[in-house]
């Protein structure tokens, strides 16, 4: 068994230098990728942000429609086993939309509340652009979600079990108080942003989906509130409620949809993205543990411009590589007649004070290192 494990591990080791390869980067590097993505979004024209967020709203519709279609047509099973099976199926099918969004570079309002403020905290984006991206993404998501709901209706798919479950969702999501929806919005975007963060750390398709499916299915099954998902599901339910077959007295109109759900949900998502995820990870791995952080003070000339994020992750990497280089230089030389040592690994880049390789991968988009994190 040990030989099998050893043989498997050697597949992930490069020849010559003995440097281990990994398809998952560390949490510090993941945060740097989040900062990079936020900077990229803040430099993108707002019209493009609107287009990407509209696409994301449509992709949300695909996943939500899949979940509603399957879950809404298993009524006999639900009656015999319980509503838990309906929630489970809905939750496990829903994350497919996040795979579409994250790997296509589309933009969700929820993820933008994490990536863009992180770039601002690290001094890589202006506050007005951060606000602009978040606001435009909010608008684009509801345009895409409502538009896809209309498409669903025109396709004749908003009937039967789909319409019944949609109306049931509408009633449940608009009958709670403002505070409850707000708090559920916080819980939701905490998990959504964790999905963004975890899939950023994975460098292959399957790893990214593993990082997506568990946080997203958790928030869906628990009943937390996600603005982009509601921006599709609630308009779809409203369209169904206009039909005599699904109309019920006291059903919510657009006033209740906005005031009882979309607005408090959006505010809760914003709090989770900015305060919990962005500020939290900036404190763990970024510059928020300094006073004031780079985004809240004028840029100093000695900061070196905007070449690299000035993050502890970068500096720690350089210090470790410099220590390894010093240890190599202090190692005793091979004596005469002794067996020749294996070829030495190439000198670490940090010995010449160059930027880390994973920073180069971010800036040059080598192998899509950071550019597939958007949500």
Protein backbone atom coordinates (compact mmCIF):
# COMPACT_ATOMS: atom_id res chain seq x y z
CA UNK A 1 0.00 0.00 0.00
CA UNK A 2 2.86 2.35 0.83
CA UNK A 3 4.42 1.72 -2.57
CA UNK A 4 1.17 2.56 -4.32
CA UNK A 5 0.83 5.80 -2.35
CA UNK A 6 4.46 6.69 -3.07
CA UNK A 7 4.03 6.01 -6.79
CA UNK A 8 0.88 8.14 -6.85
CA UNK A 9 2.62 11.03 -5.12
CA UNK A 10 5.56 10.98 -7.53
CA UNK A 11 3.18 11.91 -10.34
CA UNK A 12 2.82 15.33 -8.72
CA UNK A 13 6.55 15.98 -8.39
CA UNK A 14 8.52 17.73 -11.13
CA UNK A 15 11.78 16.26 -12.45
CA UNK A 16 15.10 17.87 -11.59
CA UNK A 17 14.25 20.43 -8.95
CA UNK A 18 12.04 18.31 -6.74
CA UNK A 19 9.39 21.05 -6.45
CA UNK A 20 5.97 19.69 -5.54
CA UNK A 21 3.11 20.57 -7.86
CA UNK A 22 -0.33 21.20 -6.48
CA UNK A 23 -3.68 21.73 -8.14
CA UNK A 24 -4.85 23.74 -5.12
CA UNK A 25 -3.22 27.00 -4.07
CA UNK A 26 -3.08 28.16 -0.47
CA UNK A 27 -5.51 30.50 1.30
CA UNK A 28 -3.14 33.46 1.16
CA UNK A 29 -2.62 33.09 -2.58
CA UNK A 30 -6.37 32.65 -2.96
CA UNK A 31 -6.94 36.01 -1.33
CA UNK A 32 -4.43 37.65 -3.66
CA UNK A 33 -6.39 36.18 -6.58
CA UNK A 34 -9.59 37.68 -5.13
CA UNK A 35 -7.88 41.08 -4.93
CA UNK A 36 -6.68 40.70 -8.51
CA UNK A 37 -10.18 39.87 -9.71
CA UNK A 38 -11.63 42.85 -7.87
CA UNK A 39 -9.06 45.13 -9.47
CA UNK A 40 -9.87 43.68 -12.88
CA UNK A 41 -13.60 44.29 -12.41
CA UNK A 42 -13.04 47.87 -11.25
CA UNK A 43 -11.06 48.57 -14.42
CA UNK A 44 -13.78 47.13 -16.67
CA UNK A 45 -16.22 49.54 -18.38
CA UNK A 46 -19.57 49.57 -16.61
CA UNK A 47 -21.43 48.70 -19.80
CA UNK A 48 -19.46 45.46 -19.94
CA UNK A 49 -20.15 44.86 -16.24
CA UNK A 50 -23.85 45.25 -17.02
CA UNK A 51 -23.65 42.77 -19.90
CA UNK A 52 -21.73 40.19 -17.83
CA UNK A 53 -24.11 40.54 -14.90
CA UNK A 54 -27.12 40.20 -17.21
CA UNK A 55 -25.66 36.94 -18.51
CA UNK A 56 -25.14 35.84 -14.90
CA UNK A 57 -28.79 36.52 -14.14
CA UNK A 58 -29.75 34.27 -17.05
CA UNK A 59 -27.36 31.53 -15.91
CA UNK A 60 -28.94 31.68 -12.46
CA UNK A 61 -32.25 31.08 -14.22
CA UNK A 62 -30.97 27.91 -15.86
CA UNK A 63 -29.95 26.35 -12.56
CA UNK A 64 -33.05 27.53 -10.71
CA UNK A 65 -35.35 26.28 -13.47
CA UNK A 66 -33.62 22.90 -13.38
CA UNK A 67 -34.14 22.68 -9.62
CA UNK A 68 -37.76 23.83 -9.75
CA UNK A 69 -38.59 21.53 -12.66
CA UNK A 70 -37.30 18.39 -10.93
CA UNK A 71 -38.41 19.29 -7.40
CA UNK A 72 -41.82 20.49 -8.55
CA UNK A 73 -42.66 17.22 -10.26
CA UNK A 74 -41.93 14.71 -7.51
CA UNK A 75 -45.04 15.38 -5.43
CA UNK A 76 -45.85 11.66 -4.84
CA UNK A 77 -42.34 11.10 -3.49
CA UNK A 78 -42.56 14.19 -1.30
CA UNK A 79 -45.89 13.05 0.13
CA UNK A 80 -44.54 9.60 0.95
CA UNK A 81 -41.06 10.52 2.21
CA UNK A 82 -41.33 14.15 3.32
CA UNK A 83 -40.42 17.65 2.17
CA UNK A 84 -36.77 17.04 3.01
CA UNK A 85 -36.26 15.11 -0.22
CA UNK A 86 -37.61 18.06 -2.22
CA UNK A 87 -35.20 20.44 -0.51
CA UNK A 88 -32.29 18.06 -0.99
CA UNK A 89 -32.89 17.60 -4.71
CA UNK A 90 -33.38 21.34 -5.20
CA UNK A 91 -30.18 22.12 -3.30
CA UNK A 92 -28.02 19.59 -5.16
CA UNK A 93 -29.17 20.69 -8.62
CA UNK A 94 -29.00 24.45 -8.07
CA UNK A 95 -25.16 24.88 -7.99
CA UNK A 96 -24.85 24.16 -11.73
CA UNK A 97 -25.58 27.83 -12.38
CA UNK A 98 -22.56 28.94 -10.32
CA UNK A 99 -20.34 26.72 -12.45
CA UNK A 100 -21.64 28.49 -15.57
CA UNK A 101 -21.12 31.91 -14.02
CA UNK A 102 -17.70 31.48 -12.44
CA UNK A 103 -16.04 29.73 -15.34
CA UNK A 104 -17.52 32.03 -17.99
CA UNK A 105 -16.40 35.20 -16.22
CA UNK A 106 -19.94 36.45 -15.64
CA UNK A 107 -20.65 38.63 -12.63
CA UNK A 108 -23.04 38.23 -9.73
CA UNK A 109 -23.86 41.04 -7.34
CA UNK A 110 -23.07 38.73 -4.43
CA UNK A 111 -19.51 37.95 -5.50
CA UNK A 112 -18.81 41.56 -6.47
CA UNK A 113 -19.43 42.56 -2.84
CA UNK A 114 -16.42 40.41 -1.93
CA UNK A 115 -13.91 40.91 -4.75
CA UNK A 116 -14.22 44.66 -5.35
CA UNK A 117 -14.06 45.81 -1.70
CA UNK A 118 -11.02 43.55 -1.24
CA UNK A 119 -9.28 45.37 -4.09
CA UNK A 120 -10.18 48.71 -2.49
CA UNK A 121 -8.84 47.70 0.92
CA UNK A 122 -5.53 46.72 -0.67
CA UNK A 123 -5.29 50.03 -2.53
CA UNK A 124 -5.91 48.47 -5.95
CA UNK A 125 -9.25 50.14 -6.81
CA UNK A 126 -11.08 53.42 -6.32
CA UNK A 127 -14.15 53.56 -4.10
CA UNK A 128 -16.37 55.04 -6.81
CA UNK A 129 -15.59 52.15 -9.15
CA UNK A 130 -16.26 49.61 -6.39
CA UNK A 131 -19.69 51.16 -5.81
CA UNK A 132 -20.29 51.38 -9.55
CA UNK A 133 -19.54 47.70 -10.16
CA UNK A 134 -21.74 46.55 -7.27
CA UNK A 135 -24.70 48.75 -8.27
CA UNK A 136 -24.50 47.86 -11.97
CA UNK A 137 -24.17 44.15 -11.13
CA UNK A 138 -27.32 44.41 -8.99
CA UNK A 139 -29.22 45.95 -11.88
CA UNK A 140 -27.84 43.51 -14.45
CA UNK A 141 -28.75 40.48 -12.33
CA UNK A 142 -32.40 41.46 -12.03
CA UNK A 143 -32.60 42.35 -15.73
CA UNK A 144 -31.16 38.95 -16.63
CA UNK A 145 -33.27 37.09 -14.09
CA UNK A 146 -36.53 38.78 -15.08
CA UNK A 147 -35.71 38.37 -18.76
CA UNK A 148 -35.06 34.66 -18.31
CA UNK A 149 -38.31 34.34 -16.35
CA UNK A 150 -40.14 35.83 -19.33
CA UNK A 151 -38.33 33.40 -21.63
CA UNK A 152 -39.37 30.53 -19.37
CA UNK A 153 -42.99 31.71 -19.58
CA UNK A 154 -42.88 32.09 -23.37
CA UNK A 155 -41.43 28.58 -23.70
CA UNK A 156 -44.46 27.18 -21.90
CA UNK A 157 -42.28 25.81 -19.09
CA UNK A 158 -43.95 27.79 -16.30
CA UNK A 159 -46.82 25.33 -15.95
CA UNK A 160 -47.91 22.45 -13.76
CA UNK A 161 -45.48 21.46 -11.03
CA UNK A 162 -43.06 24.26 -11.95
CA UNK A 163 -45.69 26.98 -11.53
CA UNK A 164 -47.06 25.45 -8.33
CA UNK A 165 -43.63 25.26 -6.70
CA UNK A 166 -42.74 28.76 -7.89
CA UNK A 167 -45.90 30.19 -6.32
CA UNK A 168 -45.12 28.29 -3.12
CA UNK A 169 -41.62 29.82 -3.12
CA UNK A 170 -43.11 33.29 -3.66
CA UNK A 171 -45.38 32.90 -0.66
CA UNK A 172 -42.57 31.67 1.57
CA UNK A 173 -40.06 34.35 0.58
CA UNK A 174 -42.43 37.32 0.91
CA UNK A 175 -44.20 36.36 4.13
CA UNK A 176 -41.19 36.76 6.45
CA UNK A 177 -40.23 39.99 8.16
CA UNK A 178 -37.61 42.45 6.87
CA UNK A 179 -35.15 41.50 9.61
CA UNK A 180 -35.41 37.76 9.00
CA UNK A 181 -34.75 38.13 5.27
CA UNK A 182 -31.87 40.51 6.01
CA UNK A 183 -30.21 38.01 8.35
CA UNK A 184 -30.81 35.14 5.92
CA UNK A 185 -29.14 37.28 3.25
CA UNK A 186 -26.05 37.53 5.46
CA UNK A 187 -25.89 33.78 5.91
CA UNK A 188 -26.37 33.21 2.20
CA UNK A 189 -23.63 35.45 0.88
CA UNK A 190 -21.20 34.22 3.50
CA UNK A 191 -21.51 30.81 1.87
CA UNK A 192 -21.66 32.12 -1.70
CA UNK A 193 -18.44 34.11 -1.21
CA UNK A 194 -16.84 31.04 0.33
CA UNK A 195 -17.75 29.18 -2.87
CA UNK A 196 -16.06 31.95 -4.85
CA UNK A 197 -12.99 31.76 -2.62
CA UNK A 198 -12.71 27.96 -2.61
CA UNK A 199 -13.11 27.58 -6.38
CA UNK A 200 -10.42 30.24 -6.81
CA UNK A 201 -8.00 28.03 -4.89
CA UNK A 202 -8.68 25.04 -7.16
CA UNK A 203 -6.85 25.03 -10.49
CA UNK A 204 -8.82 22.38 -12.37
CA UNK A 205 -12.46 22.07 -13.44
CA UNK A 206 -13.44 19.25 -11.07
CA UNK A 207 -11.77 20.94 -8.11
CA UNK A 208 -13.59 24.17 -8.82
CA UNK A 209 -16.94 22.42 -8.90
CA UNK A 210 -16.22 20.72 -5.58
CA UNK A 211 -15.50 24.16 -4.14
CA UNK A 212 -18.80 25.43 -5.55
CA UNK A 213 -21.29 22.65 -4.89
CA UNK A 214 -20.97 22.23 -1.12
CA UNK A 215 -21.32 25.89 0.00
CA UNK A 216 -24.07 26.59 -2.55
CA UNK A 217 -26.12 23.47 -1.81
CA UNK A 218 -25.75 24.28 1.90
CA UNK A 219 -27.25 27.76 1.61
CA UNK A 220 -30.10 26.50 -0.58
CA UNK A 221 -30.99 23.62 1.71
CA UNK A 222 -30.80 25.78 4.83
CA UNK A 223 -33.17 28.38 3.37
CA UNK A 224 -30.86 31.41 3.21
CA UNK A 225 -31.72 34.24 0.81
CA UNK A 226 -29.73 34.90 -2.38
CA UNK A 227 -30.62 38.08 -4.27
CA UNK A 228 -29.67 36.91 -7.80
CA UNK A 229 -31.59 33.64 -7.38
CA UNK A 230 -34.64 35.48 -6.05
CA UNK A 231 -34.38 37.95 -8.94
CA UNK A 232 -35.33 35.01 -11.18
CA UNK A 233 -37.54 32.83 -8.98
CA UNK A 234 -39.83 35.59 -7.72
CA UNK A 235 -40.57 37.13 -11.16
CA UNK A 236 -41.23 33.60 -12.44
CA UNK A 237 -43.69 33.03 -9.60
CA UNK A 238 -45.30 36.43 -10.22
CA UNK A 239 -45.87 35.50 -13.87
CA UNK A 240 -47.43 32.20 -12.77
CA UNK A 241 -49.67 33.98 -10.27
CA UNK A 242 -51.23 36.00 -13.11
CA UNK A 243 -52.84 32.82 -14.44
CA UNK A 244 -56.21 31.72 -13.11
CA UNK A 245 -54.97 28.19 -12.42
CA UNK A 246 -52.36 29.41 -9.93
CA UNK A 247 -53.91 32.64 -8.65
CA UNK A 248 -54.64 32.79 -4.95
CA UNK A 249 -56.06 35.60 -2.81
CA UNK A 250 -53.44 37.80 -1.17
CA UNK A 251 -50.57 36.76 -3.41
CA UNK A 252 -47.58 39.07 -3.38
CA UNK A 253 -47.17 41.72 -6.06
CA UNK A 254 -44.07 43.68 -6.94
CA UNK A 255 -44.42 45.89 -3.86
CA UNK A 256 -44.03 42.91 -1.53
CA UNK A 257 -41.43 41.26 -3.77
CA UNK A 258 -39.19 44.31 -3.46
CA UNK A 259 -39.88 45.44 0.11
CA UNK A 260 -40.26 42.04 1.75
CA UNK A 261 -37.49 40.20 -0.07
CA UNK A 262 -35.24 41.69 -2.74
CA UNK A 263 -34.23 44.82 -0.81
CA UNK A 264 -33.54 43.24 2.62
CA UNK A 265 -31.93 40.25 0.91
CA UNK A 266 -29.62 42.54 -1.08
CA UNK A 267 -28.61 44.45 2.06
CA UNK A 268 -27.85 41.23 3.90
CA UNK A 269 -25.79 39.94 0.98
CA UNK A 270 -23.88 43.25 0.98
CA UNK A 271 -23.06 43.03 4.69
CA UNK A 272 -21.74 39.49 4.35
CA UNK A 273 -19.65 40.24 1.28
CA UNK A 274 -18.07 43.46 2.57
CA UNK A 275 -17.80 43.08 6.33
CA UNK A 276 -17.47 39.33 6.86
CA UNK A 277 -15.63 38.10 3.79
CA UNK A 278 -13.73 41.09 2.41
CA UNK A 279 -12.74 42.71 5.70
CA UNK A 280 -12.25 39.33 7.37
CA UNK A 281 -9.85 37.96 4.78
CA UNK A 282 -8.11 41.33 4.44
CA UNK A 283 -7.37 41.06 8.15
CA UNK A 284 -6.22 37.43 7.92
CA UNK A 285 -4.06 37.70 4.80
CA UNK A 286 -4.06 41.32 3.66
CA UNK A 287 -3.46 44.81 4.91
CA UNK A 288 -6.44 45.43 7.16
CA UNK A 289 -4.33 44.58 10.21
CA UNK A 290 -2.30 47.72 9.53
CA UNK A 291 -3.59 51.18 10.40
CA UNK A 292 -4.67 52.65 8.13
CA UNK A 293 -4.89 49.99 5.36
CA UNK A 294 -3.60 50.96 1.89
CA UNK A 295 -7.05 51.65 0.47
CA UNK A 296 -7.71 54.26 3.17
CA UNK A 297 -4.51 56.27 2.84
CA UNK A 298 -2.72 58.08 0.04
CA UNK A 299 -0.33 55.95 -1.99
CA UNK A 300 3.28 56.36 -1.00
CA UNK A 301 5.98 56.56 -3.61
CA UNK A 302 7.93 53.79 -1.93
CA UNK A 303 5.01 51.40 -2.35
CA UNK A 304 6.35 50.69 -5.81
CA UNK A 305 3.25 51.81 -7.72
CA UNK A 306 0.72 49.16 -8.62
CA UNK A 307 2.94 46.29 -9.69
CA UNK A 308 2.00 43.86 -6.91
CA UNK A 309 -0.47 43.77 -4.05
CA UNK A 310 1.48 44.70 -0.93
CA UNK A 311 0.23 41.69 1.01
CA UNK A 312 1.78 39.68 3.82
CA UNK A 313 1.39 36.59 1.66
CA UNK A 314 3.80 38.05 -0.89
CA UNK A 315 6.33 39.25 1.66
CA UNK A 316 6.26 35.96 3.59
CA UNK A 317 6.87 34.04 0.36
CA UNK A 318 9.89 36.21 -0.41
CA UNK A 319 11.32 35.80 3.09
CA UNK A 320 10.96 32.01 2.95
CA UNK A 321 12.62 31.80 -0.46
CA UNK A 322 15.46 34.06 0.70
CA UNK A 323 16.00 31.82 3.73
CA UNK A 324 16.13 28.74 1.50
CA UNK A 325 18.66 30.44 -0.77
CA UNK A 326 20.83 31.35 2.23
CA UNK A 327 20.69 27.76 3.50
CA UNK A 328 21.77 26.46 0.10
CA UNK A 329 24.69 28.88 0.01
CA UNK A 330 25.82 27.84 3.51
CA UNK A 331 25.66 24.08 2.76
CA UNK A 332 29.12 22.32 2.78
CA UNK A 333 30.67 21.62 -0.61
CA UNK A 334 31.05 18.03 -1.90
CA UNK A 335 34.45 16.54 -0.89
CA UNK A 336 36.78 14.94 -3.41
CA UNK A 337 35.95 11.32 -4.11
CA UNK A 338 32.49 11.59 -2.59
CA UNK A 339 29.49 10.58 -4.69
CA UNK A 340 28.23 13.39 -6.81
CA UNK A 341 25.17 15.15 -5.43
CA UNK A 342 22.01 15.29 -7.55
CA UNK A 343 21.62 18.37 -9.72
CA UNK A 344 20.66 21.39 -7.70
CA UNK A 345 17.31 23.00 -8.24
CA UNK A 346 17.26 26.34 -10.05
CA UNK A 347 17.87 29.24 -7.65
CA UNK A 348 14.62 30.57 -6.16
CA UNK A 349 13.24 33.66 -7.79
CA UNK A 350 13.06 35.39 -4.43
CA UNK A 351 16.87 35.34 -4.10
CA UNK A 352 17.01 38.03 -6.75
CA UNK A 353 14.03 39.81 -5.13
CA UNK A 354 11.78 38.97 -8.07
CA UNK A 355 8.03 38.60 -7.73
CA UNK A 356 6.67 35.15 -6.83
CA UNK A 357 5.71 32.87 -9.68
CA UNK A 358 2.07 32.77 -8.62
CA UNK A 359 1.93 36.57 -8.76
CA UNK A 360 3.21 36.38 -12.34
CA UNK A 361 0.51 33.82 -13.06
CA UNK A 362 -2.12 36.23 -11.78
CA UNK A 363 -0.97 39.23 -13.77
CA UNK A 364 -0.36 37.35 -17.02
CA UNK A 365 -3.37 35.03 -16.68
CA UNK A 366 -1.18 31.94 -17.06
CA UNK A 367 -3.45 28.91 -17.16
CA UNK A 368 -6.39 31.04 -16.04
CA UNK A 369 -5.00 31.36 -12.51
CA UNK A 370 -7.31 34.09 -11.24
CA UNK A 371 -9.53 35.10 -14.11
CA UNK A 372 -12.17 32.47 -13.54
CA UNK A 373 -13.22 33.86 -10.17
CA UNK A 374 -16.07 36.27 -10.55
CA UNK A 375 -19.44 35.20 -9.17
